[in-house]
Amino acid sequence: MSIRYECRCCGARIAEFDESRVSEEQLGLNSLTAEERALIISKELGGDTVVSITCAYCRDALQLNPELSLVGNPLQ
């Protein structure tokens, strides 16, 4: 099983870690509130953990065009 970081906007895979080699504490996920965890962390049927964040490309695009944040998947 793995912990995978994916962009919430474009779906790009940003990073992936083997869950047996790295812990949530090492990644800082334990410092999230319950609400934050519910918003960005999900479990797949196979047991992988997916952390939804925004990649650098999408972050820059959203900063230049804030109206894109009103669209569900602005940078598919």
C-alpha atoms as a PDB file:
ATOM      1  CA  MET A   1       0.000   0.000   0.000  1.00  0.00           C
ATOM      2  CA  SER A   2       1.112   3.536  -0.630  1.00  0.00           C
ATOM      3  CA  ILE A   3       0.515   7.153   0.266  1.00  0.00           C
ATOM      4  CA  ARG A   4       0.031   9.079  -2.958  1.00  0.00           C
ATOM      5  CA  TYR A   5      -0.138  12.832  -3.495  1.00  0.00           C
ATOM      6  CA  GLU A   6      -2.303  13.913  -6.433  1.00  0.00           C
ATOM      7  CA  CYS A   7      -3.310  17.330  -7.722  1.00  0.00           C
ATOM      8  CA  ARG A   8      -6.949  18.067  -7.004  1.00  0.00           C
ATOM      9  CA  CYS A   9      -7.210  20.231 -10.138  1.00  0.00           C
ATOM     10  CA  CYS A  10      -5.450  18.351 -12.926  1.00  0.00           C
ATOM     11  CA  GLY A  11      -5.093  14.878 -11.399  1.00  0.00           C
ATOM     12  CA  ALA A  12      -1.306  14.770 -11.837  1.00  0.00           C
ATOM     13  CA  ARG A  13       0.575  12.369  -9.579  1.00  0.00           C
ATOM     14  CA  ILE A  14       2.938  14.521  -7.519  1.00  0.00           C
ATOM     15  CA  ALA A  15       4.593  11.931  -5.264  1.00  0.00           C
ATOM     16  CA  GLU A  16       4.114   8.407  -3.972  1.00  0.00           C
ATOM     17  CA  PHE A  17       5.548   6.744  -0.871  1.00  0.00           C
ATOM     18  CA  ASP A  18       5.494   3.137   0.263  1.00  0.00           C
ATOM     19  CA  GLU A  19       3.402   3.157   3.431  1.00  0.00           C
ATOM     20  CA  SER A  20       5.728   0.615   5.048  1.00  0.00           C
ATOM     21  CA  ARG A  21       8.696   2.992   4.664  1.00  0.00           C
ATOM     22  CA  VAL A  22       7.142   6.305   5.689  1.00  0.00           C
ATOM     23  CA  SER A  23       4.518   7.191   8.271  1.00  0.00           C
ATOM     24  CA  GLU A  24       1.807   9.821   8.325  1.00  0.00           C
ATOM     25  CA  GLU A  25       3.752  11.482  11.136  1.00  0.00           C
ATOM     26  CA  GLN A  26       6.854  11.777   8.948  1.00  0.00           C
ATOM     27  CA  LEU A  27       4.750  13.404   6.229  1.00  0.00           C
ATOM     28  CA  GLY A  28       3.112  15.760   8.737  1.00  0.00           C
ATOM     29  CA  LEU A  29      -0.379  14.417   8.101  1.00  0.00           C
ATOM     30  CA  ASN A  30      -0.915  13.844  11.815  1.00  0.00           C
ATOM     31  CA  SER A  31      -0.929  17.617  12.384  1.00  0.00           C
ATOM     32  CA  LEU A  32      -4.097  18.075  10.298  1.00  0.00           C
ATOM     33  CA  THR A  33      -7.410  18.636  12.008  1.00  0.00           C
ATOM     34  CA  ALA A  34     -10.220  16.131  11.499  1.00  0.00           C
ATOM     35  CA  GLU A  35     -11.893  18.544   9.075  1.00  0.00           C
ATOM     36  CA  GLU A  36      -8.693  19.032   7.067  1.00  0.00           C
ATOM     37  CA  ARG A  37      -8.131  15.280   6.912  1.00  0.00           C
ATOM     38  CA  ALA A  38     -11.684  14.741   5.650  1.00  0.00           C
ATOM     39  CA  LEU A  39     -11.138  17.345   2.905  1.00  0.00           C
ATOM     40  CA  ILE A  40      -7.810  16.143   1.531  1.00  0.00           C
ATOM     41  CA  ILE A  41      -7.221  12.504   2.527  1.00  0.00           C
ATOM     42  CA  SER A  42      -9.102   9.542   1.109  1.00  0.00           C
ATOM     43  CA  LYS A  43      -8.632   5.775   1.046  1.00  0.00           C
ATOM     44  CA  GLU A  44      -8.966   3.726  -2.121  1.00  0.00           C
ATOM     45  CA  LEU A  45     -10.540   0.271  -2.186  1.00  0.00           C
ATOM     46  CA  GLY A  46      -7.091  -1.311  -2.556  1.00  0.00           C
ATOM     47  CA  GLY A  47      -5.954   0.361   0.665  1.00  0.00           C
ATOM     48  CA  ASP A  48      -3.855   3.163  -0.825  1.00  0.00           C
ATOM     49  CA  THR A  49      -4.085   6.581   0.817  1.00  0.00           C
ATOM     50  CA  VAL A  50      -4.574   9.536  -1.534  1.00  0.00           C
ATOM     51  CA  VAL A  51      -3.728  13.074  -0.425  1.00  0.00           C
ATOM     52  CA  SER A  52      -5.320  15.698  -2.690  1.00  0.00           C
ATOM     53  CA  ILE A  53      -3.273  18.877  -2.939  1.00  0.00           C
ATOM     54  CA  THR A  54      -2.623  21.467  -5.658  1.00  0.00           C
ATOM     55  CA  CYS A  55       0.465  21.089  -7.859  1.00  0.00           C
ATOM     56  CA  ALA A  56       2.753  24.047  -8.566  1.00  0.00           C
ATOM     57  CA  TYR A  57       1.427  24.492 -12.125  1.00  0.00           C
ATOM     58  CA  CYS A  58      -2.214  24.646 -11.009  1.00  0.00           C
ATOM     59  CA  ARG A  59      -1.368  26.837  -8.008  1.00  0.00           C
ATOM     60  CA  ASP A  60       0.296  29.368 -10.320  1.00  0.00           C
ATOM     61  CA  ALA A  61      -2.611  29.252 -12.775  1.00  0.00           C
ATOM     62  CA  LEU A  62      -5.122  29.788  -9.964  1.00  0.00           C
ATOM     63  CA  GLN A  63      -3.123  32.694  -8.573  1.00  0.00           C
ATOM     64  CA  LEU A  64      -3.066  34.371 -11.994  1.00  0.00           C
ATOM     65  CA  ASN A  65      -6.739  33.561 -12.691  1.00  0.00           C
ATOM     66  CA  PRO A  66      -8.618  33.329  -9.364  1.00  0.00           C
ATOM     67  CA  GLU A  67     -11.947  32.910 -11.172  1.00  0.00           C
ATOM     68  CA  LEU A  68     -10.822  29.384 -12.114  1.00  0.00           C
ATOM     69  CA  SER A  69     -11.426  28.351  -8.515  1.00  0.00           C
ATOM     70  CA  LEU A  70     -15.157  28.644  -9.203  1.00  0.00           C
ATOM     71  CA  VAL A  71     -15.000  25.791 -11.733  1.00  0.00           C
ATOM     72  CA  GLY A  72     -15.053  22.151 -10.570  1.00  0.00           C
ATOM     73  CA  ASN A  73     -11.984  20.954 -12.528  1.00  0.00           C
ATOM     74  CA  PRO A  74     -10.478  24.113 -13.987  1.00  0.00           C
ATOM     75  CA  LEU A  75      -7.281  22.638 -15.420  1.00  0.00           C
ATOM     76  CA  GLN A  76      -8.265  19.145 -16.520  1.00  0.00           C
END
